[in-house]
């Protein structure tokens, strides 16, 4: 999945609250709260997200703790750590991922 990144939460930045966006956002810092978008959320290797996520697509290289509802897909890349429940029609988990939770792939 190759996306043009529209915004970045940098490595030394932290954000707490509700994040809504269009397009693609990359988190290399810390984000706590709620994420709502039809676009793509990318959690970088140093990134950490804690909260609920409702997006079109989620790509995780770093750490996520919380539930995710992704309309298109979720990709957990090598080295990712995910704790929570995932609801998505497509789930990709690479070798080296730590996933603690459940996944529902209903087509509702």
PDB file of N, CA and C in Angstrom:
ATOM      1  N   UNK A   1       0.850  -1.172   0.000  1.00  0.00           N
ATOM      2  CA  UNK A   1       0.000   0.000   0.000  1.00  0.00           C
ATOM      3  C   UNK A   1       0.899   1.239   0.000  1.00  0.00           C
ATOM      4  N   UNK A   2       0.870   2.006  -1.072  1.00  0.00           N
ATOM      5  CA  UNK A   2       1.678   3.209  -1.202  1.00  0.00           C
ATOM      6  C   UNK A   2       0.742   4.404  -1.231  1.00  0.00           C
ATOM      7  N   UNK A   3       0.879   5.281  -0.245  1.00  0.00           N
ATOM      8  CA  UNK A   3      -0.003   6.439  -0.117  1.00  0.00           C
ATOM      9  C   UNK A   3       0.831   7.709  -0.020  1.00  0.00           C
ATOM     10  N   UNK A   4       0.329   8.811  -0.553  1.00  0.00           N
ATOM     11  CA  UNK A   4       0.945  10.113  -0.339  1.00  0.00           C
ATOM     12  C   UNK A   4       0.543  10.592   1.048  1.00  0.00           C
ATOM     13  N   UNK A   5       1.531  10.917   1.872  1.00  0.00           N
ATOM     14  CA  UNK A   5       1.264  11.328   3.251  1.00  0.00           C
ATOM     15  C   UNK A   5       0.942  12.819   3.274  1.00  0.00           C
ATOM     16  N   UNK A   6      -0.204  13.170   3.889  1.00  0.00           N
ATOM     17  CA  UNK A   6      -0.656  14.554   3.945  1.00  0.00           C
ATOM     18  C   UNK A   6      -0.243  15.264   5.229  1.00  0.00           C
ATOM     19  N   UNK A   7      -0.133  14.537   6.330  1.00  0.00           N
ATOM     20  CA  UNK A   7       0.247  15.127   7.618  1.00  0.00           C
ATOM     21  C   UNK A   7       1.045  14.108   8.420  1.00  0.00           C
ATOM     22  N   UNK A   8       1.886  14.630   9.325  1.00  0.00           N
ATOM     23  CA  UNK A   8       2.723  13.773  10.166  1.00  0.00           C
ATOM     24  C   UNK A   8       2.669  14.274  11.599  1.00  0.00           C
ATOM     25  N   UNK A   9       2.495  13.340  12.549  1.00  0.00           N
ATOM     26  CA  UNK A   9       2.714  13.622  13.965  1.00  0.00           C
ATOM     27  C   UNK A   9       4.136  13.132  14.216  1.00  0.00           C
ATOM     28  N   UNK A  10       5.077  14.068  14.360  1.00  0.00           N
ATOM     29  CA  UNK A  10       6.499  13.743  14.438  1.00  0.00           C
ATOM     30  C   UNK A  10       6.909  12.959  15.669  1.00  0.00           C
ATOM     31  N   UNK A  11       8.132  12.424  15.637  1.00  0.00           N
ATOM     32  CA  UNK A  11       8.648  11.562  16.706  1.00  0.00           C
ATOM     33  C   UNK A  11       8.578  12.188  18.086  1.00  0.00           C
ATOM     34  N   UNK A  12       8.828  13.459  18.199  1.00  0.00           N
ATOM     35  CA  UNK A  12       8.845  14.096  19.507  1.00  0.00           C
ATOM     36  C   UNK A  12       7.531  14.795  19.837  1.00  0.00           C
ATOM     37  N   UNK A  13       6.532  14.597  18.989  1.00  0.00           N
ATOM     38  CA  UNK A  13       5.229  15.224  19.206  1.00  0.00           C
ATOM     39  C   UNK A  13       4.273  14.243  19.874  1.00  0.00           C
ATOM     40  N   UNK A  14       3.348  14.812  20.654  1.00  0.00           N
ATOM     41  CA  UNK A  14       2.268  14.000  21.215  1.00  0.00           C
ATOM     42  C   UNK A  14       0.967  14.766  21.021  1.00  0.00           C
ATOM     43  N   UNK A  15      -0.091  14.003  20.795  1.00  0.00           N
ATOM     44  CA  UNK A  15      -1.403  14.578  20.535  1.00  0.00           C
ATOM     45  C   UNK A  15      -2.405  13.811  21.367  1.00  0.00           C
ATOM     46  N   UNK A  16      -3.304  14.542  22.041  1.00  0.00           N
ATOM     47  CA  UNK A  16      -4.348  13.899  22.818  1.00  0.00           C
ATOM     48  C   UNK A  16      -5.678  14.543  22.458  1.00  0.00           C
ATOM     49  N   UNK A  17      -6.668  13.695  22.131  1.00  0.00           N
ATOM     50  CA  UNK A  17      -7.986  14.204  21.775  1.00  0.00           C
ATOM     51  C   UNK A  17      -8.574  13.442  20.613  1.00  0.00           C
ATOM     52  N   UNK A  18      -9.351  14.148  19.783  1.00  0.00           N
ATOM     53  CA  UNK A  18     -10.025  13.540  18.634  1.00  0.00           C
ATOM     54  C   UNK A  18      -9.369  14.042  17.358  1.00  0.00           C
ATOM     55  N   UNK A  19      -8.883  13.110  16.544  1.00  0.00           N
ATOM     56  CA  UNK A  19      -8.225  13.458  15.295  1.00  0.00           C
ATOM     57  C   UNK A  19      -9.101  13.017  14.132  1.00  0.00           C
ATOM     58  N   UNK A  20      -9.494  13.967  13.297  1.00  0.00           N
ATOM     59  CA  UNK A  20     -10.248  13.685  12.080  1.00  0.00           C
ATOM     60  C   UNK A  20      -9.444  14.235  10.914  1.00  0.00           C
ATOM     61  N   UNK A  21      -9.359  13.476   9.833  1.00  0.00           N
ATOM     62  CA  UNK A  21      -8.544  13.924   8.703  1.00  0.00           C
ATOM     63  C   UNK A  21      -9.037  13.301   7.410  1.00  0.00           C
ATOM     64  N   UNK A  22      -8.546  13.843   6.294  1.00  0.00           N
ATOM     65  CA  UNK A  22      -8.764  13.271   4.972  1.00  0.00           C
ATOM     66  C   UNK A  22      -7.411  12.864   4.428  1.00  0.00           C
ATOM     67  N   UNK A  23      -7.383  11.907   3.545  1.00  0.00           N
ATOM     68  CA  UNK A  23      -6.120  11.480   2.954  1.00  0.00           C
ATOM     69  C   UNK A  23      -5.378  10.516   3.861  1.00  0.00           C
ATOM     70  N   UNK A  24      -4.063  10.762   4.005  1.00  0.00           N
ATOM     71  CA  UNK A  24      -3.199   9.868   4.775  1.00  0.00           C
ATOM     72  C   UNK A  24      -2.446  10.639   5.837  1.00  0.00           C
ATOM     73  N   UNK A  25      -2.443  10.110   7.056  1.00  0.00           N
ATOM     74  CA  UNK A  25      -1.689  10.696   8.167  1.00  0.00           C
ATOM     75  C   UNK A  25      -0.738   9.638   8.710  1.00  0.00           C
ATOM     76  N   UNK A  26       0.502  10.048   9.000  1.00  0.00           N
ATOM     77  CA  UNK A  26       1.504   9.160   9.592  1.00  0.00           C
ATOM     78  C   UNK A  26       1.796   9.632  11.006  1.00  0.00           C
ATOM     79  N   UNK A  27       1.790   8.688  11.951  1.00  0.00           N
ATOM     80  CA  UNK A  27       2.097   8.988  13.349  1.00  0.00           C
ATOM     81  C   UNK A  27       3.440   8.363  13.691  1.00  0.00           C
ATOM     82  N   UNK A  28       4.425   9.207  13.980  1.00  0.00           N
ATOM     83  CA  UNK A  28       5.726   8.740  14.443  1.00  0.00           C
ATOM     84  C   UNK A  28       5.922   9.083  15.911  1.00  0.00           C
ATOM     85  N   UNK A  29       5.011   9.865  16.474  1.00  0.00           N
ATOM     86  CA  UNK A  29       5.035  10.236  17.886  1.00  0.00           C
ATOM     87  C   UNK A  29       3.976   9.470  18.651  1.00  0.00           C
ATOM     88  N   UNK A  30       3.294  10.166  19.574  1.00  0.00           N
ATOM     89  CA  UNK A  30       2.272   9.543  20.415  1.00  0.00           C
ATOM     90  C   UNK A  30       0.923  10.205  20.179  1.00  0.00           C
ATOM     91  N   UNK A  31      -0.102   9.387  19.986  1.00  0.00           N
ATOM     92  CA  UNK A  31      -1.459   9.875  19.782  1.00  0.00           C
ATOM     93  C   UNK A  31      -2.367   9.108  20.740  1.00  0.00           C
ATOM     94  N   UNK A  32      -3.105   9.842  21.578  1.00  0.00           N
ATOM     95  CA  UNK A  32      -4.053   9.228  22.512  1.00  0.00           C
ATOM     96  C   UNK A  32      -5.418   9.828  22.273  1.00  0.00           C
ATOM     97  N   UNK A  33      -6.424   8.959  22.111  1.00  0.00           N
ATOM     98  CA  UNK A  33      -7.780   9.458  21.918  1.00  0.00           C
ATOM     99  C   UNK A  33      -8.533   8.702  20.860  1.00  0.00           C
ATOM    100  N   UNK A  34      -9.185   9.451  19.972  1.00  0.00           N
ATOM    101  CA  UNK A  34     -10.058   8.875  18.959  1.00  0.00           C
ATOM    102  C   UNK A  34      -9.608   9.351  17.581  1.00  0.00           C
ATOM    103  N   UNK A  35      -9.552   8.417  16.626  1.00  0.00           N
ATOM    104  CA  UNK A  35      -9.182   8.739  15.248  1.00  0.00           C
ATOM    105  C   UNK A  35     -10.357   8.371  14.360  1.00  0.00           C
ATOM    106  N   UNK A  36     -10.791   9.341  13.541  1.00  0.00           N
ATOM    107  CA  UNK A  36     -11.913   9.112  12.628  1.00  0.00           C
ATOM    108  C   UNK A  36     -11.534   9.647  11.250  1.00  0.00           C
ATOM    109  N   UNK A  37     -11.600   8.756  10.241  1.00  0.00           N
ATOM    110  CA  UNK A  37     -11.275   9.175   8.887  1.00  0.00           C
ATOM    111  C   UNK A  37     -11.707   8.115   7.893  1.00  0.00           C
ATOM    112  N   UNK A  38     -11.968   8.533   6.677  1.00  0.00           N
ATOM    113  CA  UNK A  38     -12.176   7.599   5.571  1.00  0.00           C
ATOM    114  C   UNK A  38     -10.837   7.266   4.932  1.00  0.00           C
ATOM    115  N   UNK A  39      -9.784   7.957   5.341  1.00  0.00           N
ATOM    116  CA  UNK A  39      -8.463   7.788   4.761  1.00  0.00           C
ATOM    117  C   UNK A  39      -7.643   6.711   5.445  1.00  0.00           C
ATOM    118  N   UNK A  40      -6.306   6.883   5.365  1.00  0.00           N
ATOM    119  CA  UNK A  40      -5.361   5.895   5.859  1.00  0.00           C
ATOM    120  C   UNK A  40      -4.565   6.452   7.024  1.00  0.00           C
ATOM    121  N   UNK A  41      -4.454   5.673   8.086  1.00  0.00           N
ATOM    122  CA  UNK A  41      -3.603   6.005   9.226  1.00  0.00           C
ATOM    123  C   UNK A  41      -2.408   5.070   9.193  1.00  0.00           C
ATOM    124  N   UNK A  42      -1.210   5.650   9.187  1.00  0.00           N
ATOM    125  CA  UNK A  42       0.029   4.879   9.228  1.00  0.00           C
ATOM    126  C   UNK A  42       0.690   5.148  10.564  1.00  0.00           C
ATOM    127  N   UNK A  43       0.977   4.090  11.314  1.00  0.00           N
ATOM    128  CA  UNK A  43       1.692   4.206  12.583  1.00  0.00           C
ATOM    129  C   UNK A  43       3.119   3.761  12.311  1.00  0.00           C
ATOM    130  N   UNK A  44       4.072   4.723  12.376  1.00  0.00           N
ATOM    131  CA  UNK A  44       5.466   4.440  12.078  1.00  0.00           C
ATOM    132  C   UNK A  44       6.129   3.581  13.141  1.00  0.00           C
ATOM    133  N   UNK A  45       7.368   3.179  12.884  1.00  0.00           N
ATOM    134  CA  UNK A  45       8.116   2.308  13.778  1.00  0.00           C
ATOM    135  C   UNK A  45       8.206   2.853  15.194  1.00  0.00           C
ATOM    136  N   UNK A  46       8.348   4.147  15.334  1.00  0.00           N
ATOM    137  CA  UNK A  46       8.440   4.795  16.653  1.00  0.00           C
ATOM    138  C   UNK A  46       7.082   5.281  17.143  1.00  0.00           C
ATOM    139  N   UNK A  47       6.041   5.111  16.337  1.00  0.00           N
ATOM    140  CA  UNK A  47       4.716   5.622  16.657  1.00  0.00           C
ATOM    141  C   UNK A  47       3.986   4.783  17.684  1.00  0.00           C
ATOM    142  N   UNK A  48       3.121   5.472  18.440  1.00  0.00           N
ATOM    143  CA  UNK A  48       2.297   4.814  19.452  1.00  0.00           C
ATOM    144  C   UNK A  48       0.918   5.467  19.422  1.00  0.00           C
ATOM    145  N   UNK A  49      -0.116   4.629  19.261  1.00  0.00           N
ATOM    146  CA  UNK A  49      -1.503   5.104  19.261  1.00  0.00           C
ATOM    147  C   UNK A  49      -2.267   4.340  20.330  1.00  0.00           C
ATOM    148  N   UNK A  50      -2.959   5.090  21.198  1.00  0.00           N
ATOM    149  CA  UNK A  50      -3.804   4.505  22.234  1.00  0.00           C
ATOM    150  C   UNK A  50      -5.187   5.116  22.106  1.00  0.00           C
ATOM    151  N   UNK A  51      -6.198   4.275  21.835  1.00  0.00           N
ATOM    152  CA  UNK A  51      -7.558   4.783  21.709  1.00  0.00           C
ATOM    153  C   UNK A  51      -8.330   4.017  20.662  1.00  0.00           C
ATOM    154  N   UNK A  52      -9.428   4.602  20.208  1.00  0.00           N
ATOM    155  CA  UNK A  52     -10.268   3.965  19.197  1.00  0.00           C
ATOM    156  C   UNK A  52      -9.944   4.530  17.827  1.00  0.00           C
ATOM    157  N   UNK A  53      -9.997   3.644  16.840  1.00  0.00           N
ATOM    158  CA  UNK A  53      -9.629   4.020  15.481  1.00  0.00           C
ATOM    159  C   UNK A  53     -10.737   3.599  14.535  1.00  0.00           C
ATOM    160  N   UNK A  54     -11.261   4.551  13.758  1.00  0.00           N
ATOM    161  CA  UNK A  54     -12.230   4.282  12.692  1.00  0.00           C
ATOM    162  C   UNK A  54     -11.678   4.919  11.429  1.00  0.00           C
ATOM    163  N   UNK A  55     -11.157   4.084  10.519  1.00  0.00           N
ATOM    164  CA  UNK A  55     -10.496   4.600   9.325  1.00  0.00           C
ATOM    165  C   UNK A  55     -10.853   3.753   8.107  1.00  0.00           C
ATOM    166  N   UNK A  56     -10.418   4.232   6.959  1.00  0.00           N
ATOM    167  CA  UNK A  56     -10.528   3.423   5.756  1.00  0.00           C
ATOM    168  C   UNK A  56      -9.519   2.299   5.794  1.00  0.00           C
ATOM    169  N   UNK A  57      -8.260   2.653   6.129  1.00  0.00           N
ATOM    170  CA  UNK A  57      -7.188   1.657   6.198  1.00  0.00           C
ATOM    171  C   UNK A  57      -6.232   2.021   7.324  1.00  0.00           C
ATOM    172  N   UNK A  58      -5.630   0.986   7.914  1.00  0.00           N
ATOM    173  CA  UNK A  58      -4.646   1.158   8.985  1.00  0.00           C
ATOM    174  C   UNK A  58      -3.421   0.334   8.648  1.00  0.00           C
ATOM    175  N   UNK A  59      -2.238   0.978   8.720  1.00  0.00           N
ATOM    176  CA  UNK A  59      -0.961   0.294   8.511  1.00  0.00           C
ATOM    177  C   UNK A  59      -0.129   0.537   9.765  1.00  0.00           C
ATOM    178  N   UNK A  60       0.267  -0.554  10.445  1.00  0.00           N
ATOM    179  CA  UNK A  60       0.973  -0.423  11.718  1.00  0.00           C
ATOM    180  C   UNK A  60       2.379  -1.009  11.607  1.00  0.00           C
ATOM    181  N   UNK A  61       3.369  -0.155  11.907  1.00  0.00           N
ATOM    182  CA  UNK A  61       4.759  -0.585  12.034  1.00  0.00           C
ATOM    183  C   UNK A  61       5.178  -0.494  13.502  1.00  0.00           C
ATOM    184  N   UNK A  62       4.468   0.316  14.288  1.00  0.00           N
ATOM    185  CA  UNK A  62       4.800   0.592  15.688  1.00  0.00           C
ATOM    186  C   UNK A  62       3.854  -0.089  16.650  1.00  0.00           C
ATOM    187  N   UNK A  63       3.306   0.698  17.603  1.00  0.00           N
ATOM    188  CA  UNK A  63       2.467   0.157  18.670  1.00  0.00           C
ATOM    189  C   UNK A  63       1.070   0.766  18.621  1.00  0.00           C
ATOM    190  N   UNK A  64       0.060  -0.095  18.748  1.00  0.00           N
ATOM    191  CA  UNK A  64      -1.325   0.355  18.844  1.00  0.00           C
ATOM    192  C   UNK A  64      -1.989  -0.395  19.987  1.00  0.00           C
ATOM    193  N   UNK A  65      -2.705   0.360  20.822  1.00  0.00           N
ATOM    194  CA  UNK A  65      -3.498  -0.241  21.883  1.00  0.00           C
ATOM    195  C   UNK A  65      -4.888   0.355  21.797  1.00  0.00           C
ATOM    196  N   UNK A  66      -5.856  -0.472  21.424  1.00  0.00           N
ATOM    197  CA  UNK A  66      -7.233  -0.016  21.279  1.00  0.00           C
ATOM    198  C   UNK A  66      -7.919  -0.742  20.149  1.00  0.00           C
ATOM    199  N   UNK A  67      -9.194  -0.487  19.994  1.00  0.00           N
ATOM    200  CA  UNK A  67      -9.983  -1.164  18.975  1.00  0.00           C
ATOM    201  C   UNK A  67      -9.969  -0.383  17.669  1.00  0.00           C
ATOM    202  N   UNK A  68     -10.014  -1.127  16.558  1.00  0.00           N
ATOM    203  CA  UNK A  68      -9.988  -0.512  15.233  1.00  0.00           C
ATOM    204  C   UNK A  68     -11.115  -1.058  14.373  1.00  0.00           C
ATOM    205  N   UNK A  69     -11.781  -0.152  13.672  1.00  0.00           N
ATOM    206  CA  UNK A  69     -12.776  -0.500  12.664  1.00  0.00           C
ATOM    207  C   UNK A  69     -12.281   0.115  11.355  1.00  0.00           C
ATOM    208  N   UNK A  70     -11.769  -0.735  10.468  1.00  0.00           N
ATOM    209  CA  UNK A  70     -11.220  -0.266   9.193  1.00  0.00           C
ATOM    210  C   UNK A  70     -12.088  -0.776   8.050  1.00  0.00           C
ATOM    211  N   UNK A  71     -12.602   0.128   7.227  1.00  0.00           N
ATOM    212  CA  UNK A  71     -13.523  -0.250   6.160  1.00  0.00           C
ATOM    213  C   UNK A  71     -12.852  -1.022   5.029  1.00  0.00           C
ATOM    214  N   UNK A  72     -11.557  -0.756   4.784  1.00  0.00           N
ATOM    215  CA  UNK A  72     -10.878  -1.389   3.655  1.00  0.00           C
ATOM    216  C   UNK A  72      -9.931  -2.500   4.088  1.00  0.00           C
ATOM    217  N   UNK A  73      -8.969  -2.181   5.000  1.00  0.00           N
ATOM    218  CA  UNK A  73      -7.953  -3.160   5.368  1.00  0.00           C
ATOM    219  C   UNK A  73      -7.143  -2.709   6.573  1.00  0.00           C
ATOM    220  N   UNK A  74      -6.505  -3.695   7.206  1.00  0.00           N
ATOM    221  CA  UNK A  74      -5.532  -3.451   8.269  1.00  0.00           C
ATOM    222  C   UNK A  74      -4.282  -4.244   7.919  1.00  0.00           C
ATOM    223  N   UNK A  75      -3.127  -3.580   7.977  1.00  0.00           N
ATOM    224  CA  UNK A  75      -1.846  -4.240   7.735  1.00  0.00           C
ATOM    225  C   UNK A  75      -0.986  -4.094   8.983  1.00  0.00           C
ATOM    226  N   UNK A  76      -0.579  -5.218   9.556  1.00  0.00           N
ATOM    227  CA  UNK A  76       0.331  -5.229  10.692  1.00  0.00           C
ATOM    228  C   UNK A  76       1.684  -5.678  10.164  1.00  0.00           C
ATOM    229  N   UNK A  77       2.619  -4.755  10.109  1.00  0.00           N
ATOM    230  CA  UNK A  77       3.930  -4.999   9.503  1.00  0.00           C
ATOM    231  C   UNK A  77       4.929  -5.544  10.521  1.00  0.00           C
ATOM    232  N   UNK A  78       5.972  -6.192  10.029  1.00  0.00           N
ATOM    233  CA  UNK A  78       7.005  -6.797  10.869  1.00  0.00           C
ATOM    234  C   UNK A  78       7.457  -5.824  11.956  1.00  0.00           C
ATOM    235  N   UNK A  79       7.410  -6.275  13.196  1.00  0.00           N
ATOM    236  CA  UNK A  79       7.805  -5.444  14.332  1.00  0.00           C
ATOM    237  C   UNK A  79       6.656  -4.731  15.012  1.00  0.00           C
ATOM    238  N   UNK A  80       5.475  -4.775  14.417  1.00  0.00           N
ATOM    239  CA  UNK A  80       4.310  -4.096  14.995  1.00  0.00           C
ATOM    240  C   UNK A  80       3.839  -4.802  16.262  1.00  0.00           C
ATOM    241  N   UNK A  81       3.260  -4.011  17.165  1.00  0.00           N
ATOM    242  CA  UNK A  81       2.646  -4.524  18.389  1.00  0.00           C
ATOM    243  C   UNK A  81       1.217  -3.984  18.426  1.00  0.00           C
ATOM    244  N   UNK A  82       0.231  -4.899  18.446  1.00  0.00           N
ATOM    245  CA  UNK A  82      -1.167  -4.484  18.453  1.00  0.00           C
ATOM    246  C   UNK A  82      -1.889  -5.197  19.582  1.00  0.00           C
ATOM    247  N   UNK A  83      -2.539  -4.410  20.454  1.00  0.00           N
ATOM    248  CA  UNK A  83      -3.349  -4.963  21.534  1.00  0.00           C
ATOM    249  C   UNK A  83      -4.736  -4.340  21.418  1.00  0.00           C
ATOM    250  N   UNK A  84      -5.717  -5.179  21.055  1.00  0.00           N
ATOM    251  CA  UNK A  84      -7.080  -4.695  20.891  1.00  0.00           C
ATOM    252  C   UNK A  84      -7.801  -5.511  19.850  1.00  0.00           C
ATOM    253  N   UNK A  85      -9.006  -5.114  19.551  1.00  0.00           N
ATOM    254  CA  UNK A  85      -9.844  -5.834  18.598  1.00  0.00           C
ATOM    255  C   UNK A  85      -9.874  -5.110  17.260  1.00  0.00           C
ATOM    256  N   UNK A  86      -9.942  -5.902  16.201  1.00  0.00           N
ATOM    257  CA  UNK A  86      -9.921  -5.364  14.845  1.00  0.00           C
ATOM    258  C   UNK A  86     -11.168  -5.847  14.109  1.00  0.00           C
ATOM    259  N   UNK A  87     -11.794  -4.917  13.395  1.00  0.00           N
ATOM    260  CA  UNK A  87     -12.924  -5.251  12.514  1.00  0.00           C
ATOM    261  C   UNK A  87     -12.570  -4.700  11.136  1.00  0.00           C
ATOM    262  N   UNK A  88     -12.409  -5.599  10.164  1.00  0.00           N
ATOM    263  CA  UNK A  88     -11.998  -5.205   8.817  1.00  0.00           C
ATOM    264  C   UNK A  88     -12.254  -6.348   7.846  1.00  0.00           C
ATOM    265  N   UNK A  89     -12.487  -6.051   6.562  1.00  0.00           N
ATOM    266  CA  UNK A  89     -12.671  -7.141   5.607  1.00  0.00           C
ATOM    267  C   UNK A  89     -11.355  -7.804   5.184  1.00  0.00           C
ATOM    268  N   UNK A  90     -10.219  -7.086   5.316  1.00  0.00           N
ATOM    269  CA  UNK A  90      -8.917  -7.615   4.907  1.00  0.00           C
ATOM    270  C   UNK A  90      -7.911  -7.375   6.030  1.00  0.00           C
ATOM    271  N   UNK A  91      -7.235  -8.443   6.465  1.00  0.00           N
ATOM    272  CA  UNK A  91      -6.220  -8.341   7.512  1.00  0.00           C
ATOM    273  C   UNK A  91      -4.936  -8.984   7.020  1.00  0.00           C
ATOM    274  N   UNK A  92      -3.831  -8.211   7.065  1.00  0.00           N
ATOM    275  CA  UNK A  92      -2.514  -8.711   6.679  1.00  0.00           C
ATOM    276  C   UNK A  92      -1.631  -8.663   7.920  1.00  0.00           C
ATOM    277  N   UNK A  93      -1.084  -9.818   8.311  1.00  0.00           N
ATOM    278  CA  UNK A  93      -0.187  -9.882   9.458  1.00  0.00           C
ATOM    279  C   UNK A  93       1.123 -10.501   9.004  1.00  0.00           C
ATOM    280  N   UNK A  94       2.204  -9.716   9.072  1.00  0.00           N
ATOM    281  CA  UNK A  94       3.510 -10.226   8.694  1.00  0.00           C
ATOM    282  C   UNK A  94       4.148 -10.982   9.855  1.00  0.00           C
ATOM    283  N   UNK A  95       5.112 -11.830   9.527  1.00  0.00           N
ATOM    284  CA  UNK A  95       5.881 -12.527  10.543  1.00  0.00           C
ATOM    285  C   UNK A  95       6.605 -11.497  11.403  1.00  0.00           C
ATOM    286  N   UNK A  96       6.649 -11.732  12.715  1.00  0.00           N
ATOM    287  CA  UNK A  96       7.306 -10.811  13.630  1.00  0.00           C
ATOM    288  C   UNK A  96       6.361  -9.862  14.338  1.00  0.00           C
ATOM    289  N   UNK A  97       5.074  -9.944  14.041  1.00  0.00           N
ATOM    290  CA  UNK A  97       4.057  -9.093  14.670  1.00  0.00           C
ATOM    291  C   UNK A  97       3.590  -9.733  15.976  1.00  0.00           C
ATOM    292  N   UNK A  98       3.336  -8.906  16.991  1.00  0.00           N
ATOM    293  CA  UNK A  98       2.700  -9.348  18.232  1.00  0.00           C
ATOM    294  C   UNK A  98       1.280  -8.798  18.235  1.00  0.00           C
ATOM    295  N   UNK A  99       0.277  -9.695  18.129  1.00  0.00           N
ATOM    296  CA  UNK A  99      -1.122  -9.292  18.074  1.00  0.00           C
ATOM    297  C   UNK A  99      -1.869  -9.984  19.202  1.00  0.00           C
ATOM    298  N   UNK A 100      -2.408  -9.203  20.113  1.00  0.00           N
ATOM    299  CA  UNK A 100      -3.206  -9.711  21.223  1.00  0.00           C
ATOM    300  C   UNK A 100      -4.586  -9.079  21.134  1.00  0.00           C
ATOM    301  N   UNK A 101      -5.555  -9.866  20.727  1.00  0.00           N
ATOM    302  CA  UNK A 101      -6.916  -9.366  20.574  1.00  0.00           C
ATOM    303  C   UNK A 101      -7.696 -10.308  19.698  1.00  0.00           C
ATOM    304  N   UNK A 102      -8.747  -9.792  19.086  1.00  0.00           N
ATOM    305  CA  UNK A 102      -9.547 -10.608  18.183  1.00  0.00           C
ATOM    306  C   UNK A 102      -9.806  -9.831  16.903  1.00  0.00           C
ATOM    307  N   UNK A 103     -10.192 -10.561  15.884  1.00  0.00           N
ATOM    308  CA  UNK A 103     -10.489  -9.936  14.601  1.00  0.00           C
ATOM    309  C   UNK A 103     -11.823 -10.462  14.082  1.00  0.00           C
ATOM    310  N   UNK A 104     -12.660  -9.552  13.608  1.00  0.00           N
ATOM    311  CA  UNK A 104     -13.930  -9.889  12.990  1.00  0.00           C
ATOM    312  C   UNK A 104     -13.865  -9.406  11.539  1.00  0.00           C
ATOM    313  N   UNK A 105     -14.152 -10.325  10.617  1.00  0.00           N
ATOM    314  CA  UNK A 105     -14.067  -9.970   9.197  1.00  0.00           C
ATOM    315  C   UNK A 105     -15.426 -10.082   8.522  1.00  0.00           C
ATOM    316  N   UNK A 106     -16.492  -9.722   9.240  1.00  0.00           N
ATOM    317  CA  UNK A 106     -17.833  -9.710   8.646  1.00  0.00           C
ATOM    318  C   UNK A 106     -17.889  -8.722   7.508  1.00  0.00           C
ATOM    319  N   UNK A 107     -18.778  -8.963   6.580  1.00  0.00           N
ATOM    320  CA  UNK A 107     -18.939  -8.061   5.438  1.00  0.00           C
ATOM    321  C   UNK A 107     -20.086  -7.094   5.639  1.00  0.00           C
ATOM    322  N   UNK A 108     -20.453  -6.834   6.871  1.00  0.00           N
ATOM    323  CA  UNK A 108     -21.579  -5.923   7.160  1.00  0.00           C
ATOM    324  C   UNK A 108     -21.211  -4.499   6.850  1.00  0.00           C
TER     325      UNK A 108
END
